[in-house]
Structures are given as structure tokens and as C-alpha cells.
Amino acid sequence: MADENENPPKDTPPAGGNPADEQGAADPEKAGDKTSPAADAQGGAGGGKAADGDTPPANGGAAGGGGGGGANNTPLSTALNPQIVQAVGTTNHAVLNGAGPGANGIAYQKVAQAAAYAVQDSTDYMRNIMSMASATTGVALQKMLVEKTTDPYADIIKAATQAVTDAQQTFTNVGTASSGVVKDFDSMA
């Protein structure tokens, strides 16, 4: 009776009744040679190794999902759907081509704004010069009437008038230069 328990026949499953246990673990020499689905599943679920832990399963252990044995070394570029790759490329092309005119438009607005500030500043300058020239002329005329002489007040009035003329010329030069800058930038953009 003791012989029957020590050496059960090979065709009979062990007490647990799982044929996969017999194939994968009962005979370590044959564990790596088994190619049955049960042996493959054991190899895949066990981190890409066979039941005895020393040899990889015959088919790379792909049946277990998380098992690490992988015959799947497909490059990423060929693994992606070509329609997705084309859609991403088209989107990138549209965004990058649209960025140029948009950036030029923003730059043009900045140049136009800077030119407008220059004209505004020269307008303020001319207004200030005209205010000072008016005040200077008024004081000089008052002194001329009080003192009943034109010397040196006529020269002061002449200098104030010349300052206004110079401010007007500055305003014209700034306006012309600003307009030219904006037009030249528009043709470059």
C-alpha cells in the first residue's frame, strides 16, 4: 500500500486534481518543455517565468497580461494608427502656419502703437511750447507797453515765435517718420 501513495501513476492527476500543477511543477525537467495553455498561463502570470522560476515559458508568457515576457517589440511609430499620426501632423501644421500671420499682426500693432505714442508725444511737446510761447509773448508785450520800448522784448517775442515754428516742424518730422515706419513694417510683414 505504501508504494501506491509514494509513486502515483503519471496519467492520474495528484490529489489536488489540477493537471496544470502536474505539468508545470511536478517534473522540473519537463516544465520548460510544456506548451499547453495551462503551462503558458502559469508562465505569463508569474512574471514571464515558468513554474520552477528558472526558465521562461515557451511562448514568451503573453497570456498572463502583466507578466513581462514579451515578444511584442513593435516600434512606437508603426504601432500608432496612421490616421491619428496624420491628424496630429495636420493640426501641428495648421497651428504653426497660423502662428506667423498672428505674430506679425501683434508685432504690427505694437509698431503702430509706438508710432502713435511718438506722434502723441510730439503733439504734447508742441502744445507745451505753444503755451510757453504764448505766456512769454504776453509778458514781453506787457513790458513793452509799460516801459515804452521794444528792446529787448521784440527779440524775446521773435524767439518765442521761432520756438513754436520749430515745434511745428518737429511735429511734422515725427509724424512723417512714424507713418513711414508703420508703412515699411506693414510691407515687411
N, C-alpha and C. Protein backbone atom coordinates (compact mmCIF):
# COMPACT_ATOMS: atom_id res chain seq x y z
N MET A 1 0.80 -1.18 0.00
CA MET A 1 0.00 0.00 0.00
C MET A 1 0.84 1.25 0.00
N ALA A 2 1.99 1.19 0.65
CA ALA A 2 2.84 2.36 0.72
C ALA A 2 3.36 2.73 -0.64
N ASP A 3 3.53 1.74 -1.55
CA ASP A 3 4.03 2.03 -2.87
C ASP A 3 3.05 2.87 -3.67
N GLU A 4 1.79 2.63 -3.52
CA GLU A 4 0.80 3.38 -4.30
C GLU A 4 0.81 4.85 -3.94
N ASN A 5 1.00 5.20 -2.69
CA ASN A 5 0.98 6.60 -2.29
C ASN A 5 2.27 7.33 -2.66
N GLU A 6 3.40 6.62 -2.67
CA GLU A 6 4.67 7.28 -2.97
C GLU A 6 4.83 7.54 -4.44
N ASN A 7 4.44 6.65 -5.31
CA ASN A 7 4.62 6.82 -6.74
C ASN A 7 3.29 6.68 -7.46
N PRO A 8 2.48 7.73 -7.49
CA PRO A 8 1.22 7.60 -8.23
C PRO A 8 1.50 7.50 -9.72
N PRO A 9 0.59 6.89 -10.46
CA PRO A 9 0.82 6.79 -11.91
C PRO A 9 0.80 8.17 -12.54
N LYS A 10 1.57 8.36 -13.63
CA LYS A 10 1.72 9.65 -14.27
C LYS A 10 0.46 10.10 -14.98
N ASP A 11 -0.43 9.20 -15.34
CA ASP A 11 -1.65 9.60 -16.03
C ASP A 11 -2.70 10.10 -15.07
N THR A 12 -2.55 9.85 -13.81
CA THR A 12 -3.55 10.24 -12.83
C THR A 12 -3.17 11.57 -12.22
N PRO A 13 -4.12 12.55 -12.13
CA PRO A 13 -3.78 13.83 -11.51
C PRO A 13 -3.51 13.64 -10.04
N PRO A 14 -2.70 14.52 -9.43
CA PRO A 14 -2.44 14.41 -8.00
C PRO A 14 -3.69 14.72 -7.21
N ALA A 15 -3.56 14.69 -5.90
CA ALA A 15 -4.72 14.83 -5.02
C ALA A 15 -5.47 16.13 -5.26
N GLY A 16 -4.80 17.21 -5.63
CA GLY A 16 -5.48 18.48 -5.87
C GLY A 16 -6.35 18.44 -7.10
N GLY A 17 -6.07 17.58 -8.01
CA GLY A 17 -6.88 17.41 -9.19
C GLY A 17 -6.60 18.45 -10.28
N ASN A 18 -5.51 19.15 -10.26
CA ASN A 18 -5.22 20.18 -11.25
C ASN A 18 -4.14 19.66 -12.19
N PRO A 19 -4.48 19.35 -13.43
CA PRO A 19 -3.47 18.83 -14.36
C PRO A 19 -2.37 19.85 -14.62
N ALA A 20 -2.67 21.15 -14.50
CA ALA A 20 -1.64 22.16 -14.76
C ALA A 20 -0.55 22.10 -13.72
N ASP A 21 -0.91 21.73 -12.46
CA ASP A 21 0.09 21.62 -11.42
C ASP A 21 1.07 20.52 -11.76
N GLU A 22 0.53 19.42 -12.31
CA GLU A 22 1.41 18.31 -12.66
C GLU A 22 2.33 18.72 -13.79
N GLN A 23 1.80 19.42 -14.80
CA GLN A 23 2.62 19.76 -15.95
C GLN A 23 3.65 20.82 -15.61
N GLY A 24 3.27 21.82 -14.82
CA GLY A 24 4.16 22.93 -14.58
C GLY A 24 5.11 22.73 -13.44
N ALA A 25 4.78 21.92 -12.42
CA ALA A 25 5.63 21.88 -11.24
C ALA A 25 6.07 20.48 -10.85
N ALA A 26 5.38 19.40 -11.25
CA ALA A 26 5.69 18.06 -10.78
C ALA A 26 7.03 17.58 -11.30
N ASP A 27 7.34 17.88 -12.54
CA ASP A 27 8.59 17.40 -13.12
C ASP A 27 9.38 18.62 -13.60
N PRO A 28 10.35 19.11 -12.82
CA PRO A 28 11.07 20.32 -13.19
C PRO A 28 11.78 20.22 -14.53
N GLU A 29 12.22 19.06 -14.93
CA GLU A 29 12.92 18.94 -16.20
C GLU A 29 11.99 19.18 -17.38
N LYS A 30 10.72 18.81 -17.23
CA LYS A 30 9.77 18.94 -18.33
C LYS A 30 8.97 20.23 -18.26
N ALA A 31 9.11 21.03 -17.20
CA ALA A 31 8.29 22.23 -17.03
C ALA A 31 8.54 23.22 -18.16
N GLY A 32 9.77 23.38 -18.60
CA GLY A 32 10.07 24.32 -19.67
C GLY A 32 9.65 23.82 -21.02
N ASP A 33 9.44 22.50 -21.18
CA ASP A 33 9.10 21.94 -22.47
C ASP A 33 7.61 21.95 -22.74
N LYS A 34 6.80 22.19 -21.75
CA LYS A 34 5.35 22.13 -21.93
C LYS A 34 4.90 23.35 -22.71
N THR A 35 4.00 23.13 -23.64
CA THR A 35 3.46 24.24 -24.42
C THR A 35 1.94 24.26 -24.34
N SER A 36 1.40 23.64 -23.32
CA SER A 36 -0.05 23.65 -23.19
C SER A 36 -0.51 25.02 -22.70
N PRO A 37 -1.78 25.37 -22.94
CA PRO A 37 -2.29 26.66 -22.48
C PRO A 37 -2.16 26.84 -20.98
N ALA A 38 -2.31 25.78 -20.21
CA ALA A 38 -2.19 25.92 -18.75
C ALA A 38 -0.78 26.30 -18.38
N ALA A 39 0.22 25.68 -19.02
CA ALA A 39 1.61 26.00 -18.71
C ALA A 39 1.94 27.41 -19.16
N ASP A 40 1.39 27.82 -20.31
CA ASP A 40 1.63 29.17 -20.80
C ASP A 40 1.02 30.21 -19.87
N ALA A 41 -0.17 29.93 -19.39
CA ALA A 41 -0.83 30.87 -18.49
C ALA A 41 -0.06 31.00 -17.20
N GLN A 42 0.48 29.86 -16.70
CA GLN A 42 1.27 29.93 -15.49
C GLN A 42 2.51 30.77 -15.73
N GLY A 43 3.14 30.61 -16.87
CA GLY A 43 4.35 31.36 -17.16
C GLY A 43 4.06 32.84 -17.29
N GLY A 44 2.95 33.22 -17.93
CA GLY A 44 2.63 34.63 -18.11
C GLY A 44 2.26 35.29 -16.82
N ALA A 45 1.50 34.62 -15.97
CA ALA A 45 1.06 35.24 -14.73
C ALA A 45 2.19 35.33 -13.74
N GLY A 46 3.20 34.54 -13.90
CA GLY A 46 4.28 34.53 -12.93
C GLY A 46 5.42 35.44 -13.29
N GLY A 47 5.19 36.49 -13.99
CA GLY A 47 6.25 37.43 -14.30
C GLY A 47 7.12 36.96 -15.45
N GLY A 48 6.59 36.17 -16.34
CA GLY A 48 7.34 35.76 -17.52
C GLY A 48 8.24 34.58 -17.26
N LYS A 49 8.01 33.80 -16.20
CA LYS A 49 8.85 32.64 -15.90
C LYS A 49 7.97 31.40 -15.79
N ALA A 50 8.59 30.27 -15.97
CA ALA A 50 7.85 29.02 -15.84
C ALA A 50 7.64 28.72 -14.37
N ALA A 51 6.95 27.61 -14.09
CA ALA A 51 6.57 27.28 -12.72
C ALA A 51 7.78 27.10 -11.83
N ASP A 52 8.90 26.55 -12.36
CA ASP A 52 10.05 26.34 -11.49
C ASP A 52 10.86 27.62 -11.28
N GLY A 53 10.57 28.71 -12.01
CA GLY A 53 11.19 30.01 -11.78
C GLY A 53 12.52 30.21 -12.47
N ASP A 54 13.04 29.20 -13.22
CA ASP A 54 14.36 29.35 -13.82
C ASP A 54 14.32 29.55 -15.32
N THR A 55 13.32 29.01 -15.99
CA THR A 55 13.32 29.11 -17.45
C THR A 55 12.07 29.82 -17.91
N PRO A 56 12.16 30.65 -18.93
CA PRO A 56 10.97 31.33 -19.44
C PRO A 56 10.05 30.37 -20.15
N PRO A 57 8.77 30.68 -20.23
CA PRO A 57 7.84 29.79 -20.94
C PRO A 57 8.14 29.79 -22.43
N ALA A 58 7.58 28.82 -23.09
CA ALA A 58 7.91 28.62 -24.49
C ALA A 58 7.41 29.75 -25.38
N ASN A 59 6.28 30.37 -25.06
CA ASN A 59 5.75 31.38 -25.98
C ASN A 59 5.96 32.80 -25.47
N GLY A 60 6.80 33.05 -24.52
CA GLY A 60 7.09 34.40 -24.05
C GLY A 60 6.16 34.86 -22.95
N GLY A 61 5.22 34.04 -22.52
CA GLY A 61 4.36 34.40 -21.39
C GLY A 61 3.37 35.49 -21.71
N ALA A 62 2.87 35.57 -22.89
CA ALA A 62 1.97 36.65 -23.25
C ALA A 62 0.56 36.47 -22.71
N ALA A 63 0.19 35.24 -22.30
CA ALA A 63 -1.19 35.01 -21.89
C ALA A 63 -1.52 35.64 -20.55
N GLY A 64 -0.54 35.91 -19.72
CA GLY A 64 -0.82 36.44 -18.39
C GLY A 64 -1.07 37.92 -18.37
N GLY A 65 -0.82 38.65 -19.37
CA GLY A 65 -1.09 40.08 -19.42
C GLY A 65 -0.04 40.88 -18.71
N GLY A 66 0.11 40.76 -17.40
CA GLY A 66 1.06 41.59 -16.69
C GLY A 66 2.39 40.92 -16.55
N GLY A 67 2.61 39.83 -17.15
CA GLY A 67 3.81 39.06 -16.97
C GLY A 67 5.03 39.53 -17.62
N GLY A 68 5.52 40.14 -18.11
CA GLY A 68 6.72 40.74 -18.60
C GLY A 68 7.41 40.00 -19.67
N GLY A 69 6.93 38.87 -20.11
CA GLY A 69 7.67 38.16 -21.11
C GLY A 69 7.34 38.75 -22.43
N GLY A 70 7.91 39.38 -23.18
CA GLY A 70 7.26 39.97 -24.31
C GLY A 70 7.97 39.80 -25.59
N ALA A 71 7.21 39.22 -26.48
CA ALA A 71 7.69 39.15 -27.84
C ALA A 71 7.18 40.37 -28.60
N ASN A 72 6.54 41.32 -27.92
CA ASN A 72 5.95 42.49 -28.59
C ASN A 72 6.94 43.65 -28.53
N ASN A 73 7.88 43.70 -29.46
CA ASN A 73 8.88 44.76 -29.54
C ASN A 73 8.61 45.66 -30.74
N THR A 74 7.35 45.90 -31.06
CA THR A 74 6.97 46.72 -32.21
C THR A 74 7.36 48.17 -31.94
N PRO A 75 8.04 48.85 -32.87
CA PRO A 75 8.36 50.27 -32.67
C PRO A 75 7.09 51.10 -32.53
N LEU A 76 7.18 52.18 -31.75
CA LEU A 76 6.01 53.02 -31.47
C LEU A 76 5.46 53.65 -32.74
N SER A 77 6.32 54.03 -33.67
CA SER A 77 5.85 54.71 -34.88
C SER A 77 4.96 53.83 -35.73
N THR A 78 5.20 52.53 -35.74
CA THR A 78 4.35 51.65 -36.52
C THR A 78 3.20 51.10 -35.70
N ALA A 79 3.28 51.24 -34.37
CA ALA A 79 2.20 50.75 -33.53
C ALA A 79 1.04 51.73 -33.48
N LEU A 80 1.26 53.01 -33.82
CA LEU A 80 0.19 54.00 -33.80
C LEU A 80 -0.67 53.91 -35.05
N ASN A 81 -1.90 54.30 -34.90
CA ASN A 81 -2.81 54.34 -36.03
C ASN A 81 -2.36 55.45 -36.98
N PRO A 82 -2.15 55.16 -38.25
CA PRO A 82 -1.67 56.17 -39.20
C PRO A 82 -2.62 57.37 -39.32
N GLN A 83 -3.92 57.15 -39.13
CA GLN A 83 -4.86 58.27 -39.20
C GLN A 83 -4.64 59.24 -38.04
N ILE A 84 -4.30 58.72 -36.87
CA ILE A 84 -4.03 59.58 -35.72
C ILE A 84 -2.75 60.37 -35.96
N VAL A 85 -1.72 59.68 -36.46
CA VAL A 85 -0.46 60.37 -36.75
C VAL A 85 -0.68 61.48 -37.77
N GLN A 86 -1.47 61.21 -38.81
CA GLN A 86 -1.75 62.22 -39.83
C GLN A 86 -2.56 63.38 -39.24
N ALA A 87 -3.51 63.09 -38.37
CA ALA A 87 -4.33 64.15 -37.76
C ALA A 87 -3.48 65.06 -36.89
N VAL A 88 -2.57 64.47 -36.12
CA VAL A 88 -1.69 65.29 -35.28
C VAL A 88 -0.77 66.14 -36.15
N GLY A 89 -0.24 65.56 -37.21
CA GLY A 89 0.62 66.32 -38.12
C GLY A 89 -0.12 67.47 -38.79
N THR A 90 -1.34 67.21 -39.21
CA THR A 90 -2.15 68.27 -39.84
C THR A 90 -2.45 69.38 -38.85
N THR A 91 -2.77 69.02 -37.63
CA THR A 91 -3.05 70.03 -36.60
C THR A 91 -1.81 70.88 -36.32
N ASN A 92 -0.66 70.23 -36.16
CA ASN A 92 0.58 70.97 -35.93
C ASN A 92 0.88 71.92 -37.08
N HIS A 93 0.69 71.44 -38.30
CA HIS A 93 0.95 72.27 -39.48
C HIS A 93 0.03 73.49 -39.50
N ALA A 94 -1.25 73.28 -39.21
CA ALA A 94 -2.20 74.39 -39.22
C ALA A 94 -1.89 75.41 -38.13
N VAL A 95 -1.53 74.92 -36.95
CA VAL A 95 -1.22 75.84 -35.84
C VAL A 95 0.04 76.63 -36.13
N LEU A 96 1.09 75.96 -36.61
CA LEU A 96 2.35 76.66 -36.85
C LEU A 96 2.25 77.61 -38.03
N ASN A 97 1.51 77.25 -39.07
CA ASN A 97 1.34 78.17 -40.20
C ASN A 97 0.49 79.37 -39.81
N GLY A 98 -0.47 79.17 -38.93
CA GLY A 98 -1.32 80.28 -38.49
C GLY A 98 -0.62 81.18 -37.49
N ALA A 99 0.44 80.68 -36.86
CA ALA A 99 1.14 81.48 -35.85
C ALA A 99 1.90 82.64 -36.48
N GLY A 100 2.44 82.45 -37.69
CA GLY A 100 3.20 83.50 -38.35
C GLY A 100 2.39 84.76 -38.58
N PRO A 101 1.27 84.67 -39.30
CA PRO A 101 0.46 85.88 -39.50
C PRO A 101 -0.06 86.47 -38.20
N GLY A 102 -0.39 85.63 -37.24
CA GLY A 102 -0.86 86.15 -35.95
C GLY A 102 0.24 86.91 -35.23
N ALA A 103 1.45 86.35 -35.27
CA ALA A 103 2.58 87.02 -34.62
C ALA A 103 2.90 88.32 -35.35
N ASN A 104 2.84 88.31 -36.67
CA ASN A 104 3.08 89.53 -37.43
C ASN A 104 2.02 90.58 -37.13
N GLY A 105 0.79 90.15 -36.96
CA GLY A 105 -0.28 91.09 -36.64
C GLY A 105 -0.05 91.76 -35.29
N ILE A 106 0.40 90.97 -34.31
CA ILE A 106 0.68 91.53 -32.99
C ILE A 106 1.86 92.49 -33.08
N ALA A 107 2.90 92.10 -33.81
CA ALA A 107 4.07 92.97 -33.96
C ALA A 107 3.67 94.27 -34.67
N TYR A 108 2.83 94.15 -35.69
CA TYR A 108 2.38 95.34 -36.41
C TYR A 108 1.61 96.27 -35.47
N GLN A 109 0.77 95.70 -34.64
CA GLN A 109 0.02 96.52 -33.67
C GLN A 109 0.96 97.24 -32.71
N LYS A 110 2.01 96.55 -32.28
CA LYS A 110 2.97 97.17 -31.36
C LYS A 110 3.72 98.31 -32.04
N VAL A 111 4.13 98.11 -33.29
CA VAL A 111 4.83 99.16 -34.03
C VAL A 111 3.90 100.35 -34.25
N ALA A 112 2.66 100.07 -34.64
CA ALA A 112 1.69 101.16 -34.85
C ALA A 112 1.43 101.91 -33.55
N GLN A 113 1.35 101.19 -32.45
CA GLN A 113 1.13 101.83 -31.15
C GLN A 113 2.33 102.70 -30.77
N ALA A 114 3.55 102.22 -31.01
CA ALA A 114 4.75 103.00 -30.71
C ALA A 114 4.78 104.27 -31.57
N ALA A 115 4.40 104.15 -32.83
CA ALA A 115 4.36 105.33 -33.71
C ALA A 115 3.31 106.32 -33.22
N ALA A 116 2.18 105.81 -32.78
CA ALA A 116 1.12 106.69 -32.26
C ALA A 116 1.60 107.40 -30.99
N TYR A 117 2.36 106.69 -30.13
CA TYR A 117 2.90 107.34 -28.93
C TYR A 117 3.88 108.46 -29.32
N ALA A 118 4.70 108.21 -30.34
CA ALA A 118 5.67 109.23 -30.78
C ALA A 118 4.93 110.48 -31.28
N VAL A 119 3.89 110.28 -32.06
CA VAL A 119 3.10 111.42 -32.55
C VAL A 119 2.42 112.12 -31.38
N GLN A 120 1.89 111.36 -30.46
CA GLN A 120 1.23 111.95 -29.29
C GLN A 120 2.23 112.76 -28.45
N ASP A 121 3.43 112.23 -28.26
CA ASP A 121 4.45 112.96 -27.51
C ASP A 121 4.85 114.25 -28.21
N SER A 122 5.01 114.19 -29.54
CA SER A 122 5.38 115.42 -30.25
C SER A 122 4.22 116.43 -30.23
N THR A 123 2.99 115.93 -30.19
CA THR A 123 1.84 116.84 -30.04
C THR A 123 1.87 117.52 -28.68
N ASP A 124 2.17 116.75 -27.64
CA ASP A 124 2.28 117.33 -26.30
C ASP A 124 3.42 118.36 -26.25
N TYR A 125 4.53 118.02 -26.89
CA TYR A 125 5.67 118.94 -26.93
C TYR A 125 5.27 120.26 -27.61
N MET A 126 4.63 120.14 -28.75
CA MET A 126 4.21 121.34 -29.48
C MET A 126 3.21 122.15 -28.64
N ARG A 127 2.30 121.49 -27.99
CA ARG A 127 1.31 122.19 -27.16
C ARG A 127 2.00 122.94 -26.01
N ASN A 128 2.97 122.27 -25.37
CA ASN A 128 3.71 122.91 -24.27
C ASN A 128 4.52 124.12 -24.76
N ILE A 129 5.17 123.96 -25.92
CA ILE A 129 5.95 125.08 -26.48
C ILE A 129 5.02 126.25 -26.80
N MET A 130 3.86 125.93 -27.36
CA MET A 130 2.90 127.00 -27.70
C MET A 130 2.40 127.70 -26.43
N SER A 131 2.19 126.95 -25.37
CA SER A 131 1.75 127.56 -24.10
C SER A 131 2.83 128.49 -23.55
N MET A 132 4.09 128.01 -23.57
CA MET A 132 5.18 128.85 -23.06
C MET A 132 5.38 130.08 -23.95
N ALA A 133 5.28 129.86 -25.28
CA ALA A 133 5.46 130.99 -26.20
C ALA A 133 4.35 132.02 -26.00
N SER A 134 3.14 131.56 -25.76
CA SER A 134 2.03 132.49 -25.51
C SER A 134 2.27 133.29 -24.23
N ALA A 135 2.70 132.58 -23.18
CA ALA A 135 2.97 133.27 -21.90
C ALA A 135 4.13 134.26 -22.06
N THR A 136 5.18 133.83 -22.77
CA THR A 136 6.34 134.70 -22.98
C THR A 136 5.97 135.93 -23.79
N THR A 137 5.20 135.73 -24.83
CA THR A 137 4.77 136.86 -25.67
C THR A 137 3.91 137.82 -24.87
N GLY A 138 3.02 137.30 -24.06
CA GLY A 138 2.16 138.15 -23.23
C GLY A 138 2.95 139.00 -22.25
N VAL A 139 3.92 138.38 -21.58
CA VAL A 139 4.75 139.12 -20.62
C VAL A 139 5.60 140.17 -21.36
N ALA A 140 6.18 139.76 -22.51
CA ALA A 140 7.01 140.70 -23.27
C ALA A 140 6.19 141.89 -23.76
N LEU A 141 4.97 141.64 -24.23
CA LEU A 141 4.12 142.76 -24.69
C LEU A 141 3.77 143.68 -23.52
N GLN A 142 3.49 143.12 -22.38
CA GLN A 142 3.18 143.93 -21.20
C GLN A 142 4.36 144.84 -20.83
N LYS A 143 5.58 144.25 -20.83
CA LYS A 143 6.78 145.02 -20.51
C LYS A 143 7.01 146.13 -21.55
N MET A 144 6.75 145.82 -22.82
CA MET A 144 6.93 146.83 -23.87
C MET A 144 6.00 148.02 -23.63
N LEU A 145 4.76 147.74 -23.24
CA LEU A 145 3.79 148.81 -23.02
C LEU A 145 4.14 149.63 -21.78
N VAL A 146 4.61 148.96 -20.76
CA VAL A 146 4.94 149.66 -19.51
C VAL A 146 6.19 150.52 -19.70
N GLU A 147 7.21 149.94 -20.30
CA GLU A 147 8.48 150.63 -20.45
C GLU A 147 8.54 151.48 -21.71
N LYS A 148 7.62 151.36 -22.59
CA LYS A 148 7.54 152.09 -23.85
C LYS A 148 8.80 151.93 -24.68
N THR A 149 9.32 150.71 -24.71
CA THR A 149 10.48 150.36 -25.53
C THR A 149 10.32 148.93 -26.06
N THR A 150 10.90 148.68 -27.20
CA THR A 150 10.83 147.34 -27.81
C THR A 150 12.07 146.52 -27.52
N ASP A 151 13.10 147.19 -27.06
CA ASP A 151 14.36 146.49 -26.84
C ASP A 151 14.42 145.97 -25.42
N PRO A 152 14.64 144.81 -25.14
CA PRO A 152 14.93 143.56 -25.83
C PRO A 152 13.69 142.70 -26.08
N TYR A 153 12.51 143.27 -25.83
CA TYR A 153 11.26 142.47 -25.84
C TYR A 153 10.86 141.98 -27.24
N ALA A 154 11.21 142.72 -28.26
CA ALA A 154 10.91 142.28 -29.63
C ALA A 154 11.68 141.01 -29.95
N ASP A 155 12.94 140.95 -29.48
CA ASP A 155 13.74 139.74 -29.72
C ASP A 155 13.17 138.53 -28.94
N ILE A 156 12.64 138.82 -27.77
CA ILE A 156 12.06 137.72 -26.95
C ILE A 156 10.81 137.17 -27.65
N ILE A 157 9.98 138.10 -28.19
CA ILE A 157 8.77 137.66 -28.90
C ILE A 157 9.16 136.86 -30.15
N LYS A 158 10.21 137.34 -30.86
CA LYS A 158 10.68 136.65 -32.07
C LYS A 158 11.18 135.24 -31.71
N ALA A 159 11.90 135.11 -30.61
CA ALA A 159 12.42 133.80 -30.18
C ALA A 159 11.27 132.86 -29.80
N ALA A 160 10.23 133.40 -29.15
CA ALA A 160 9.08 132.58 -28.77
C ALA A 160 8.34 132.09 -30.01
N THR A 161 8.21 132.96 -31.00
CA THR A 161 7.54 132.58 -32.25
C THR A 161 8.35 131.52 -32.99
N GLN A 162 9.69 131.67 -32.97
CA GLN A 162 10.56 130.69 -33.63
C GLN A 162 10.46 129.33 -32.92
N ALA A 163 10.31 129.32 -31.61
CA ALA A 163 10.17 128.08 -30.86
C ALA A 163 8.90 127.34 -31.28
N VAL A 164 7.83 128.09 -31.51
CA VAL A 164 6.57 127.48 -31.97
C VAL A 164 6.77 126.89 -33.37
N THR A 165 7.45 127.63 -34.26
CA THR A 165 7.70 127.14 -35.62
C THR A 165 8.55 125.86 -35.57
N ASP A 166 9.57 125.86 -34.71
CA ASP A 166 10.42 124.66 -34.57
C ASP A 166 9.62 123.47 -34.03
N ALA A 167 8.73 123.72 -33.08
CA ALA A 167 7.90 122.65 -32.52
C ALA A 167 6.97 122.09 -33.59
N GLN A 168 6.45 122.98 -34.44
CA GLN A 168 5.58 122.51 -35.54
C GLN A 168 6.37 121.65 -36.53
N GLN A 169 7.61 122.06 -36.81
CA GLN A 169 8.46 121.28 -37.72
C GLN A 169 8.81 119.92 -37.09
N THR A 170 9.07 119.92 -35.79
CA THR A 170 9.34 118.65 -35.09
C THR A 170 8.14 117.73 -35.17
N PHE A 171 6.95 118.30 -34.94
CA PHE A 171 5.72 117.50 -35.03
C PHE A 171 5.56 116.89 -36.42
N THR A 172 5.82 117.69 -37.47
CA THR A 172 5.70 117.19 -38.84
C THR A 172 6.72 116.09 -39.10
N ASN A 173 7.97 116.29 -38.66
CA ASN A 173 9.02 115.28 -38.87
C ASN A 173 8.69 113.96 -38.16
N VAL A 174 8.22 114.08 -36.91
CA VAL A 174 7.87 112.87 -36.15
C VAL A 174 6.71 112.15 -36.81
N GLY A 175 5.69 112.90 -37.23
CA GLY A 175 4.53 112.28 -37.89
C GLY A 175 4.91 111.58 -39.17
N THR A 176 5.75 112.21 -39.98
CA THR A 176 6.19 111.61 -41.25
C THR A 176 7.03 110.36 -41.00
N ALA A 177 7.96 110.46 -40.04
CA ALA A 177 8.81 109.30 -39.73
C ALA A 177 7.98 108.15 -39.18
N SER A 178 7.05 108.45 -38.29
CA SER A 178 6.21 107.39 -37.70
C SER A 178 5.38 106.70 -38.76
N SER A 179 4.80 107.49 -39.65
CA SER A 179 4.00 106.93 -40.73
C SER A 179 4.85 106.03 -41.63
N GLY A 180 6.06 106.48 -41.92
CA GLY A 180 6.96 105.67 -42.76
C GLY A 180 7.34 104.36 -42.10
N VAL A 181 7.59 104.40 -40.80
CA VAL A 181 7.95 103.18 -40.07
C VAL A 181 6.81 102.17 -40.14
N VAL A 182 5.59 102.64 -39.90
CA VAL A 182 4.43 101.74 -39.89
C VAL A 182 4.22 101.17 -41.30
N LYS A 183 4.32 102.01 -42.34
CA LYS A 183 4.13 101.51 -43.72
C LYS A 183 5.21 100.52 -44.10
N ASP A 184 6.48 100.82 -43.74
CA ASP A 184 7.57 99.90 -44.06
C ASP A 184 7.40 98.57 -43.33
N PHE A 185 6.99 98.63 -42.08
CA PHE A 185 6.79 97.40 -41.33
C PHE A 185 5.67 96.57 -41.93
N ASP A 186 4.61 97.22 -42.36
CA ASP A 186 3.47 96.52 -42.96
C ASP A 186 3.89 95.80 -44.22
N SER A 187 4.78 96.39 -45.02
CA SER A 187 5.21 95.73 -46.25
C SER A 187 6.18 94.59 -45.98
N MET A 188 6.91 94.66 -44.84
CA MET A 188 7.83 93.56 -44.49
C MET A 188 7.07 92.37 -43.92
N ALA A 189 5.97 92.60 -43.24
CA ALA A 189 5.23 91.56 -42.54
C ALA A 189 4.49 90.65 -43.47
